[in-house]
Amino acid sequence: MAQCNKCGAPIIWIKTPKGKWLCLDEGLIAYKENPEGKDQLFNDRGESIRCDIVEREPGQFPTGMARRAHWATCPNAADFRKGGRSR
């Protein structure tokens, strides 16, 4: 398991279908597919999923489990962007 070199969070690296590396948070999140959804997660093949995140509770039936891009949760995400603060 890798760690973010800015915040220390556990992350995983996967390749997208276009061959680019994508850094994802370690934990899986339950979701319901929704093409108009406000959330974006990624499956283990690096494919983007437009969805709504759901709580895993009795009576809730998620479409599946996926991961969030680490840049969406890293407190130091701006450090990785072109023209961001220091690298």
C-alpha atoms as a PDB file:
ATOM      1  CA  MET A   1       0.000   0.000   0.000  1.00  0.00           C
ATOM      2  CA  ALA A   2       1.324   3.403  -0.964  1.00  0.00           C
ATOM      3  CA  GLN A   3       0.952   6.664   0.939  1.00  0.00           C
ATOM      4  CA  CYS A   4       0.344  10.188  -0.338  1.00  0.00           C
ATOM      5  CA  ASN A   5       3.644  12.035  -0.039  1.00  0.00           C
ATOM      6  CA  LYS A   6       1.795  15.244   0.941  1.00  0.00           C
ATOM      7  CA  CYS A   7      -0.767  14.107   3.539  1.00  0.00           C
ATOM      8  CA  GLY A   8       0.319  10.529   4.375  1.00  0.00           C
ATOM      9  CA  ALA A   9      -3.094   8.977   3.583  1.00  0.00           C
ATOM     10  CA  PRO A  10      -3.140   5.392   2.245  1.00  0.00           C
ATOM     11  CA  ILE A  11      -3.681   5.393  -1.532  1.00  0.00           C
ATOM     12  CA  ILE A  12      -3.660   3.016  -4.454  1.00  0.00           C
ATOM     13  CA  TRP A  13      -2.494   3.636  -8.011  1.00  0.00           C
ATOM     14  CA  ILE A  14      -4.354   2.295 -11.047  1.00  0.00           C
ATOM     15  CA  LYS A  15      -4.115   2.865 -14.785  1.00  0.00           C
ATOM     16  CA  THR A  16      -7.042   4.424 -16.612  1.00  0.00           C
ATOM     17  CA  PRO A  17      -8.275   2.971 -19.916  1.00  0.00           C
ATOM     18  CA  LYS A  18      -6.171   5.683 -21.624  1.00  0.00           C
ATOM     19  CA  GLY A  19      -3.029   4.424 -19.860  1.00  0.00           C
ATOM     20  CA  LYS A  20      -2.659   7.305 -17.387  1.00  0.00           C
ATOM     21  CA  TRP A  21      -1.962   6.699 -13.699  1.00  0.00           C
ATOM     22  CA  LEU A  22      -4.705   7.669 -11.256  1.00  0.00           C
ATOM     23  CA  CYS A  23      -4.292   7.972  -7.496  1.00  0.00           C
ATOM     24  CA  LEU A  24      -7.312   6.755  -5.508  1.00  0.00           C
ATOM     25  CA  ASP A  25      -8.234   6.714  -1.838  1.00  0.00           C
ATOM     26  CA  GLU A  26      -7.892   3.249  -0.336  1.00  0.00           C
ATOM     27  CA  GLY A  27     -11.440   2.821   0.991  1.00  0.00           C
ATOM     28  CA  LEU A  28     -14.387   1.650  -1.053  1.00  0.00           C
ATOM     29  CA  ILE A  29     -17.577   3.745  -1.206  1.00  0.00           C
ATOM     30  CA  ALA A  30     -21.110   2.475  -1.881  1.00  0.00           C
ATOM     31  CA  TYR A  31     -22.826   4.202  -4.799  1.00  0.00           C
ATOM     32  CA  LYS A  32     -25.886   4.166  -7.025  1.00  0.00           C
ATOM     33  CA  GLU A  33     -25.215   4.837 -10.707  1.00  0.00           C
ATOM     34  CA  ASN A  34     -26.766   8.080 -11.887  1.00  0.00           C
ATOM     35  CA  PRO A  35     -25.636   9.733 -15.157  1.00  0.00           C
ATOM     36  CA  GLU A  36     -26.800  13.061 -13.688  1.00  0.00           C
ATOM     37  CA  GLY A  37     -25.275  12.356 -10.255  1.00  0.00           C
ATOM     38  CA  LYS A  38     -23.222  14.920  -8.369  1.00  0.00           C
ATOM     39  CA  ASP A  39     -20.464  12.467  -7.404  1.00  0.00           C
ATOM     40  CA  GLN A  40     -17.665  10.850  -9.387  1.00  0.00           C
ATOM     41  CA  LEU A  41     -15.963   7.628  -8.358  1.00  0.00           C
ATOM     42  CA  PHE A  42     -13.625   5.234 -10.152  1.00  0.00           C
ATOM     43  CA  ASN A  43     -13.741   1.461 -10.492  1.00  0.00           C
ATOM     44  CA  ASP A  44     -10.676  -0.796 -10.315  1.00  0.00           C
ATOM     45  CA  ARG A  45     -10.210  -0.474 -14.107  1.00  0.00           C
ATOM     46  CA  GLY A  46      -9.856   3.308 -13.762  1.00  0.00           C
ATOM     47  CA  GLU A  47     -13.203   4.013 -15.392  1.00  0.00           C
ATOM     48  CA  SER A  48     -15.130   7.043 -14.179  1.00  0.00           C
ATOM     49  CA  ILE A  49     -18.570   6.445 -12.661  1.00  0.00           C
ATOM     50  CA  ARG A  50     -21.060   9.316 -12.375  1.00  0.00           C
ATOM     51  CA  CYS A  51     -23.166   8.480  -9.345  1.00  0.00           C
ATOM     52  CA  ASP A  52     -24.739   9.346  -6.027  1.00  0.00           C
ATOM     53  CA  ILE A  53     -22.942   8.133  -2.913  1.00  0.00           C
ATOM     54  CA  VAL A  54     -25.280   6.172  -0.622  1.00  0.00           C
ATOM     55  CA  GLU A  55     -25.079   5.073   2.970  1.00  0.00           C
ATOM     56  CA  ARG A  56     -24.888   1.330   3.450  1.00  0.00           C
ATOM     57  CA  GLU A  57     -27.985   0.806   5.565  1.00  0.00           C
ATOM     58  CA  PRO A  58     -30.744  -1.792   5.619  1.00  0.00           C
ATOM     59  CA  GLY A  59     -33.032  -1.149   2.664  1.00  0.00           C
ATOM     60  CA  GLN A  60     -30.318   0.666   0.689  1.00  0.00           C
ATOM     61  CA  PHE A  61     -29.148  -1.276  -2.341  1.00  0.00           C
ATOM     62  CA  PRO A  62     -26.082   0.280  -3.916  1.00  0.00           C
ATOM     63  CA  THR A  63     -25.168  -0.389  -7.536  1.00  0.00           C
ATOM     64  CA  GLY A  64     -21.630  -1.174  -6.458  1.00  0.00           C
ATOM     65  CA  MET A  65     -18.499  -0.120  -4.629  1.00  0.00           C
ATOM     66  CA  ALA A  66     -15.801   2.160  -6.027  1.00  0.00           C
ATOM     67  CA  ARG A  67     -13.083   4.594  -4.933  1.00  0.00           C
ATOM     68  CA  ARG A  68     -12.758   8.375  -4.863  1.00  0.00           C
ATOM     69  CA  ALA A  69      -9.855  10.126  -6.593  1.00  0.00           C
ATOM     70  CA  HIS A  70      -7.361  11.164  -3.937  1.00  0.00           C
ATOM     71  CA  TRP A  71      -7.080  14.689  -5.356  1.00  0.00           C
ATOM     72  CA  ALA A  72     -10.717  15.173  -4.270  1.00  0.00           C
ATOM     73  CA  THR A  73      -9.915  14.476  -0.606  1.00  0.00           C
ATOM     74  CA  CYS A  74      -6.239  15.397  -0.116  1.00  0.00           C
ATOM     75  CA  PRO A  75      -5.888  18.553   2.011  1.00  0.00           C
ATOM     76  CA  ASN A  76      -2.782  19.371  -0.037  1.00  0.00           C
ATOM     77  CA  ALA A  77      -4.238  18.684  -3.501  1.00  0.00           C
ATOM     78  CA  ALA A  78      -3.311  22.169  -4.761  1.00  0.00           C
ATOM     79  CA  ASP A  79       0.360  21.245  -4.344  1.00  0.00           C
ATOM     80  CA  PHE A  80       0.025  18.705  -7.171  1.00  0.00           C
ATOM     81  CA  ARG A  81      -1.667  20.974  -9.705  1.00  0.00           C
ATOM     82  CA  LYS A  82       0.253  22.784 -12.416  1.00  0.00           C
ATOM     83  CA  GLY A  83       0.877  26.288 -11.161  1.00  0.00           C
ATOM     84  CA  GLY A  84      -0.078  25.215  -7.631  1.00  0.00           C
ATOM     85  CA  ARG A  85       1.831  26.149  -4.513  1.00  0.00           C
ATOM     86  CA  SER A  86       5.174  24.451  -3.984  1.00  0.00           C
ATOM     87  CA  ARG A  87       5.825  20.895  -5.145  1.00  0.00           C
END
